[in-house]
Amino acid sequence: MRDEITVLSGNANRALAESICRQLGIALCRCNVDRFPDGEIDVKVSDDLRGRDVFIVQPTSPPVNDHLLELLLMIDTCRRASADRITAVIPVFGYARKDRKDEGRVPISAKLVANMICVAGTDRVLTIDLHAAQIQGFFDIPVDHLYAKPVLIQHFRDIKVDRPVIVAPDMGGLKRARAWAESLEAEVAIVDKRRIDPTKVDWEHIIGEVSGRDALIIDDMIATGGSVAQAVRIAREHGAQRVFVGATHAVFCGNAIEKLTECRPDGVVVTDTIRPPPGPLPEVFHYRSVAPLLSRAIAAIHRRESVSALFEDGRKRS
């Protein structure tokens, strides 16, 4: 049975796991992740896992604590059920912001979470667009780090953007913007975000030429939407012809969708690494699936083939 792939899912994004299974031509493993009356998580796998090559699809997206603990308990369940190999497929890795000690008396949260995933019994991790690429080194097991750039770029090619300029919403996104610019043969601009005092930020400047062009504002995630919304406004004020937003992880905290809608972008494209919010979204929002990307990676890992060779274009980014 070692030659069989088994895919499990927690509650974070079952629809993505089901899409991956359709790509692979297999059924999703029967796994119930419920709650006891006191809120404790209860995991029960109904299918045999002995000797299987198991892939657990569970983004640690909001509510991060619940989904992280679900992941850890599913890993432990598979290990105790004698799975041959366990790969944690974490399309979005929570607690990634704190990847170093930038001041005294703070945790390195990303390292602690990596330790927890390893200790639970994981053999390998598959993830997409880490907030900081160096987090790969926090794991003592192999990490396959994929990029959603080819998925998002295809969307912009489909809509035929005109003389695009890639806009980084802050200096931290410059490397990502340059990689996108290389793929689209575009130029780069940067929103110059300057902190005036602890409570006030100046957003009024942009470095680069956007006038008369289609501006593509690119980021790895949209959380509150504040930075991206301001970048849309500034690009318009500097004469951009059309303004689009592209991001891998659509966290959409609080009123982020309303913020993005109010700044009137011509389009917002994100991926389904995080389960879309319930109900209809404004027409400018578009989702592109990473299921084909992940299914190809899972198949390559299962066959013990190179994953990086499949996604050379994505490796040039961020």
Protein backbone atom coordinates (compact mmCIF):
# COMPACT_ATOMS: atom_id res chain seq x y z
CA MET A 1 0.00 0.00 0.00
CA ARG A 2 3.09 2.24 0.10
CA ASP A 3 2.37 3.21 -3.51
CA GLU A 4 -0.97 4.80 -2.59
CA ILE A 5 -1.50 8.49 -1.82
CA THR A 6 -3.87 9.36 1.01
CA VAL A 7 -5.07 12.96 1.40
CA LEU A 8 -6.64 14.18 4.65
CA SER A 9 -8.18 17.52 5.47
CA GLY A 10 -9.07 19.39 8.63
CA ASN A 11 -11.64 22.16 8.80
CA ALA A 12 -9.43 24.97 7.48
CA ASN A 13 -10.01 24.47 3.74
CA ARG A 14 -11.74 21.20 2.89
CA ALA A 15 -12.79 22.54 -0.52
CA LEU A 16 -9.13 22.94 -1.53
CA ALA A 17 -8.34 19.39 -0.36
CA GLU A 18 -11.26 18.06 -2.40
CA SER A 19 -10.02 19.96 -5.47
CA ILE A 20 -6.54 18.48 -5.02
CA CYS A 21 -8.05 14.99 -4.81
CA ARG A 22 -9.99 15.56 -8.04
CA GLN A 23 -6.73 16.57 -9.73
CA LEU A 24 -5.07 13.40 -8.42
CA GLY A 25 -8.04 11.17 -9.27
CA ILE A 26 -8.47 9.89 -5.71
CA ALA A 27 -11.07 10.20 -2.96
CA LEU A 28 -10.50 12.36 0.10
CA CYS A 29 -9.77 10.22 3.17
CA ARG A 30 -12.61 9.98 5.67
CA CYS A 31 -11.49 12.13 8.59
CA ASN A 32 -13.74 13.88 11.10
CA VAL A 33 -12.38 16.83 13.05
CA ASP A 34 -15.00 17.79 15.63
CA ARG A 35 -15.21 19.48 19.03
CA PHE A 36 -16.02 18.07 22.44
CA PRO A 37 -18.58 20.08 24.45
CA ASP A 38 -15.75 21.90 26.26
CA GLY A 39 -14.16 22.96 22.97
CA GLU A 40 -11.34 20.41 22.81
CA ILE A 41 -10.61 19.07 19.33
CA ASP A 42 -11.52 15.46 18.53
CA VAL A 43 -9.94 13.74 15.50
CA LYS A 44 -11.07 10.41 14.05
CA VAL A 45 -9.79 8.87 10.79
CA SER A 46 -12.06 6.15 9.44
CA ASP A 47 -9.79 4.78 6.67
CA ASP A 48 -6.74 2.55 7.09
CA LEU A 49 -3.48 4.54 7.06
CA ARG A 50 -0.95 1.76 7.68
CA GLY A 51 1.91 2.05 5.22
CA ARG A 52 0.29 4.94 3.34
CA ASP A 53 1.94 8.06 1.93
CA VAL A 54 -0.20 10.62 3.77
CA PHE A 55 -0.67 14.29 2.84
CA ILE A 56 -2.55 16.46 5.36
CA VAL A 57 -4.00 19.58 3.72
CA GLN A 58 -4.47 22.16 6.46
CA PRO A 59 -3.60 25.85 6.07
CA THR A 60 -2.99 27.47 9.44
CA SER A 61 -5.27 30.37 8.52
CA PRO A 62 -7.61 32.28 10.85
CA PRO A 63 -8.62 31.16 13.39
CA VAL A 64 -4.95 30.21 13.39
CA ASN A 65 -4.82 28.59 16.83
CA ASP A 66 -7.70 26.20 16.06
CA HIS A 67 -6.37 25.21 12.67
CA LEU A 68 -2.81 24.77 13.94
CA LEU A 69 -3.92 22.47 16.73
CA GLU A 70 -6.12 20.51 14.31
CA LEU A 71 -3.04 20.01 12.13
CA LEU A 72 -0.90 18.82 15.05
CA LEU A 73 -3.54 16.35 16.21
CA MET A 74 -4.04 14.98 12.69
CA ILE A 75 -0.28 14.48 12.36
CA ASP A 76 -0.21 12.62 15.66
CA THR A 77 -3.21 10.51 14.58
CA CYS A 78 -1.48 9.48 11.35
CA ARG A 79 1.79 8.68 13.10
CA ARG A 80 0.05 6.48 15.66
CA ALA A 81 -1.90 4.80 12.82
CA SER A 82 1.42 3.65 11.28
CA ALA A 83 1.42 5.88 8.21
CA ASP A 84 4.61 5.34 6.22
CA ARG A 85 5.28 9.04 5.56
CA ILE A 86 3.42 12.20 6.60
CA THR A 87 3.61 15.43 4.63
CA ALA A 88 1.96 18.52 6.09
CA VAL A 89 0.53 20.53 3.20
CA ILE A 90 0.26 24.03 4.69
CA PRO A 91 -0.78 26.40 1.88
CA VAL A 92 -0.56 29.36 4.26
CA PHE A 93 1.78 29.21 7.26
CA GLY A 94 0.45 31.09 10.29
CA TYR A 95 2.64 32.84 12.88
CA ALA A 96 5.10 33.72 10.10
CA ARG A 97 5.37 37.44 10.94
CA LYS A 98 7.63 36.87 13.96
CA ASP A 99 10.59 35.24 12.23
CA ARG A 100 13.29 36.97 14.30
CA LYS A 101 13.81 38.96 17.49
CA ASP A 102 13.42 42.54 16.31
CA GLU A 103 13.29 43.80 19.91
CA GLY A 104 13.85 42.47 23.41
CA ARG A 105 11.58 40.01 25.21
CA VAL A 106 9.58 38.77 22.20
CA PRO A 107 9.20 35.21 20.85
CA ILE A 108 10.33 33.86 17.49
CA SER A 109 6.87 32.46 16.86
CA ALA A 110 7.60 30.98 13.43
CA LYS A 111 10.42 28.85 14.87
CA LEU A 112 8.27 27.59 17.75
CA VAL A 113 5.46 26.57 15.36
CA ALA A 114 7.99 24.83 13.08
CA ASN A 115 9.30 22.90 16.11
CA MET A 116 5.77 21.84 17.05
CA ILE A 117 5.03 20.54 13.55
CA CYS A 118 8.29 18.55 13.50
CA VAL A 119 7.84 17.09 16.99
CA ALA A 120 4.26 16.02 16.18
CA GLY A 121 5.72 13.54 13.70
CA THR A 122 5.82 15.26 10.31
CA ASP A 123 8.29 13.96 7.72
CA ARG A 124 7.96 16.78 5.22
CA VAL A 125 6.29 20.17 4.72
CA LEU A 126 4.78 21.57 1.52
CA THR A 127 3.83 25.25 1.59
CA ILE A 128 3.17 28.27 -0.64
CA ASP A 129 4.58 31.79 -0.43
CA LEU A 130 6.02 31.94 3.07
CA HIS A 131 5.90 35.44 4.51
CA ALA A 132 9.69 35.14 4.93
CA ALA A 133 11.61 32.58 2.87
CA GLN A 134 14.11 31.94 5.68
CA ILE A 135 11.37 30.16 7.67
CA GLN A 136 12.26 27.08 5.61
CA GLY A 137 15.40 26.85 7.72
CA PHE A 138 13.38 26.68 10.95
CA PHE A 139 12.32 23.12 10.14
CA ASP A 140 14.58 20.12 10.75
CA ILE A 141 12.80 18.25 7.95
CA PRO A 142 12.58 18.88 4.17
CA VAL A 143 10.44 21.84 3.12
CA ASP A 144 9.10 22.31 -0.41
CA HIS A 145 8.37 26.01 -0.84
CA LEU A 146 6.15 26.73 -3.85
CA TYR A 147 5.11 30.09 -5.27
CA ALA A 148 1.71 31.12 -6.60
CA LYS A 149 3.23 33.64 -8.98
CA PRO A 150 2.59 31.54 -12.13
CA VAL A 151 -1.06 31.10 -11.11
CA LEU A 152 -1.61 34.83 -10.59
CA ILE A 153 0.43 35.91 -13.60
CA GLN A 154 -1.74 33.75 -15.84
CA HIS A 155 -4.76 35.75 -14.68
CA PHE A 156 -3.15 39.02 -15.73
CA ARG A 157 -2.10 37.54 -19.07
CA ASP A 158 -5.68 36.41 -19.62
CA ILE A 159 -7.05 39.93 -19.09
CA LYS A 160 -4.30 41.42 -21.30
CA VAL A 161 -2.83 44.15 -19.13
CA ASP A 162 -1.40 47.12 -21.06
CA ARG A 163 2.22 48.12 -20.50
CA PRO A 164 2.15 46.84 -16.92
CA VAL A 165 4.21 48.27 -14.10
CA ILE A 166 4.60 46.13 -10.98
CA VAL A 167 4.02 48.14 -7.81
CA ALA A 168 5.39 47.01 -4.44
CA PRO A 169 3.16 48.38 -1.63
CA ASP A 170 6.27 48.90 0.55
CA MET A 171 10.03 48.43 0.44
CA GLY A 172 9.71 44.89 1.82
CA GLY A 173 7.97 43.78 -1.36
CA LEU A 174 10.64 45.02 -3.76
CA LYS A 175 12.26 41.63 -4.41
CA ARG A 176 8.87 40.09 -5.15
CA ALA A 177 7.99 42.96 -7.49
CA ARG A 178 11.25 42.57 -9.41
CA ALA A 179 10.59 38.85 -9.97
CA TRP A 180 7.10 39.62 -11.27
CA ALA A 181 8.50 42.34 -13.52
CA GLU A 182 10.97 39.87 -14.99
CA SER A 183 8.19 37.40 -15.83
CA LEU A 184 5.91 40.06 -17.36
CA GLU A 185 8.71 42.12 -18.94
CA ALA A 186 7.50 45.10 -16.95
CA GLU A 187 8.99 47.94 -14.93
CA VAL A 188 8.88 48.34 -11.14
CA ALA A 189 7.52 51.05 -8.85
CA ILE A 190 7.46 51.27 -5.06
CA VAL A 191 5.08 53.00 -2.69
CA ASP A 192 7.28 54.95 -0.30
CA LYS A 193 5.63 54.40 3.08
CA ARG A 194 7.24 56.58 5.72
CA ARG A 195 6.39 56.43 9.40
CA ILE A 196 6.14 59.95 10.81
CA ASP A 197 5.44 58.91 14.41
CA PRO A 198 4.18 55.74 16.16
CA THR A 199 0.58 56.43 15.07
CA LYS A 200 0.95 58.18 11.69
CA VAL A 201 2.22 56.99 8.31
CA ASP A 202 2.86 59.10 5.20
CA TRP A 203 1.67 57.33 2.01
CA GLU A 204 1.91 60.16 -0.48
CA HIS A 205 4.96 59.14 -2.54
CA ILE A 206 5.63 56.59 -5.26
CA ILE A 207 9.03 55.80 -6.72
CA GLY A 208 8.75 54.90 -10.39
CA GLU A 209 6.53 55.77 -13.36
CA VAL A 210 2.92 54.53 -13.42
CA SER A 211 1.26 57.27 -15.49
CA GLY A 212 -0.67 55.92 -18.49
CA ARG A 213 0.08 52.29 -17.58
CA ASP A 214 -1.69 49.39 -15.91
CA ALA A 215 -0.40 49.19 -12.33
CA LEU A 216 -0.27 45.73 -10.72
CA ILE A 217 0.02 46.00 -6.93
CA ILE A 218 1.52 42.72 -5.74
CA ASP A 219 1.83 41.32 -2.22
CA ASP A 220 2.08 37.92 -0.55
CA MET A 221 -1.06 38.47 1.55
CA ILE A 222 -3.90 40.86 2.16
CA ALA A 223 -4.71 41.04 5.88
CA THR A 224 -6.46 44.27 6.89
CA GLY A 225 -6.19 45.67 3.36
CA GLY A 226 -4.91 49.05 4.54
CA SER A 227 -1.55 49.08 2.76
CA VAL A 228 -2.96 47.74 -0.49
CA ALA A 229 -5.90 50.17 -0.49
CA GLN A 230 -3.52 53.10 0.02
CA ALA A 231 -1.28 51.80 -2.78
CA VAL A 232 -4.31 51.69 -5.13
CA ARG A 233 -5.18 55.28 -4.23
CA ILE A 234 -1.63 56.53 -4.76
CA ALA A 235 -1.26 54.72 -8.10
CA ARG A 236 -4.47 56.38 -9.32
CA GLU A 237 -3.34 59.81 -8.11
CA HIS A 238 -0.12 59.38 -10.09
CA GLY A 239 -2.00 58.70 -13.32
CA ALA A 240 -2.20 54.91 -13.59
CA GLN A 241 -4.49 53.84 -16.45
CA ARG A 242 -5.92 50.84 -14.56
CA VAL A 243 -5.01 49.49 -11.13
CA PHE A 244 -5.10 45.79 -10.26
CA VAL A 245 -4.26 43.98 -7.02
CA GLY A 246 -2.73 40.50 -6.82
CA ALA A 247 -1.98 38.50 -3.66
CA THR A 248 -1.51 34.86 -2.75
CA HIS A 249 -3.16 34.70 0.68
CA ALA A 250 -6.55 36.37 1.07
CA VAL A 251 -6.73 36.70 4.86
CA PHE A 252 -9.28 39.54 4.66
CA CYS A 253 -9.38 40.50 8.36
CA GLY A 254 -12.20 42.70 9.64
CA ASN A 255 -13.46 45.09 6.95
CA ALA A 256 -10.63 44.43 4.48
CA ILE A 257 -13.05 43.64 1.64
CA GLU A 258 -14.88 46.93 2.21
CA LYS A 259 -11.57 48.84 2.22
CA LEU A 260 -10.53 47.29 -1.05
CA THR A 261 -13.91 47.89 -2.64
CA GLU A 262 -13.94 51.55 -1.58
CA CYS A 263 -10.56 52.27 -3.19
CA ARG A 264 -12.07 51.13 -6.54
CA PRO A 265 -9.44 48.82 -8.05
CA ASP A 266 -10.12 47.49 -11.53
CA GLY A 267 -9.60 43.96 -10.25
CA VAL A 268 -8.42 41.98 -7.23
CA VAL A 269 -7.08 38.46 -7.84
CA VAL A 270 -6.17 36.10 -5.01
CA THR A 271 -5.79 32.35 -4.60
CA ASP A 272 -7.73 29.80 -2.58
CA THR A 273 -4.94 28.98 -0.11
CA ILE A 274 -7.45 30.32 2.42
CA ARG A 275 -11.10 29.35 2.21
CA PRO A 276 -13.09 32.20 0.57
CA PRO A 277 -15.44 34.10 2.88
CA PRO A 278 -19.12 33.09 2.79
CA GLY A 279 -21.52 34.93 0.54
CA PRO A 280 -21.00 36.78 -2.74
CA LEU A 281 -18.02 39.07 -3.23
CA PRO A 282 -17.92 42.29 -5.27
CA GLU A 283 -17.46 41.66 -9.00
CA VAL A 284 -13.87 42.95 -8.99
CA PHE A 285 -12.72 40.03 -6.80
CA HIS A 286 -11.42 36.90 -8.54
CA TYR A 287 -10.13 33.63 -7.09
CA ARG A 288 -7.60 31.39 -8.84
CA SER A 289 -7.04 27.90 -7.49
CA VAL A 290 -3.68 26.52 -6.36
CA ALA A 291 -5.08 22.96 -6.43
CA PRO A 292 -3.33 22.08 -9.74
CA LEU A 293 -0.04 23.45 -8.37
CA LEU A 294 -0.31 21.47 -5.13
CA SER A 295 -1.50 18.28 -6.81
CA ARG A 296 1.50 18.29 -9.14
CA ALA A 297 3.82 18.83 -6.17
CA ILE A 298 2.15 16.05 -4.17
CA ALA A 299 2.49 13.65 -7.11
CA ALA A 300 6.17 14.57 -7.49
CA ILE A 301 6.86 14.09 -3.76
CA HIS A 302 5.06 10.75 -3.82
CA ARG A 303 7.15 9.56 -6.78
CA ARG A 304 10.29 10.95 -5.11
CA GLU A 305 10.89 13.30 -8.02
CA SER A 306 12.24 16.84 -7.92
CA VAL A 307 9.64 19.43 -6.94
CA SER A 308 11.81 22.44 -7.72
CA ALA A 309 12.26 21.29 -11.32
CA LEU A 310 8.49 21.54 -11.83
CA PHE A 311 8.24 25.15 -10.71
CA GLU A 312 11.40 26.89 -11.85
CA ASP A 313 9.45 30.02 -12.85
CA GLY A 314 7.99 30.35 -9.39
CA ARG A 315 11.37 30.09 -7.68
CA LYS A 316 12.54 33.41 -9.10
CA ARG A 317 10.26 35.38 -6.86
CA SER A 318 10.25 36.87 -3.39
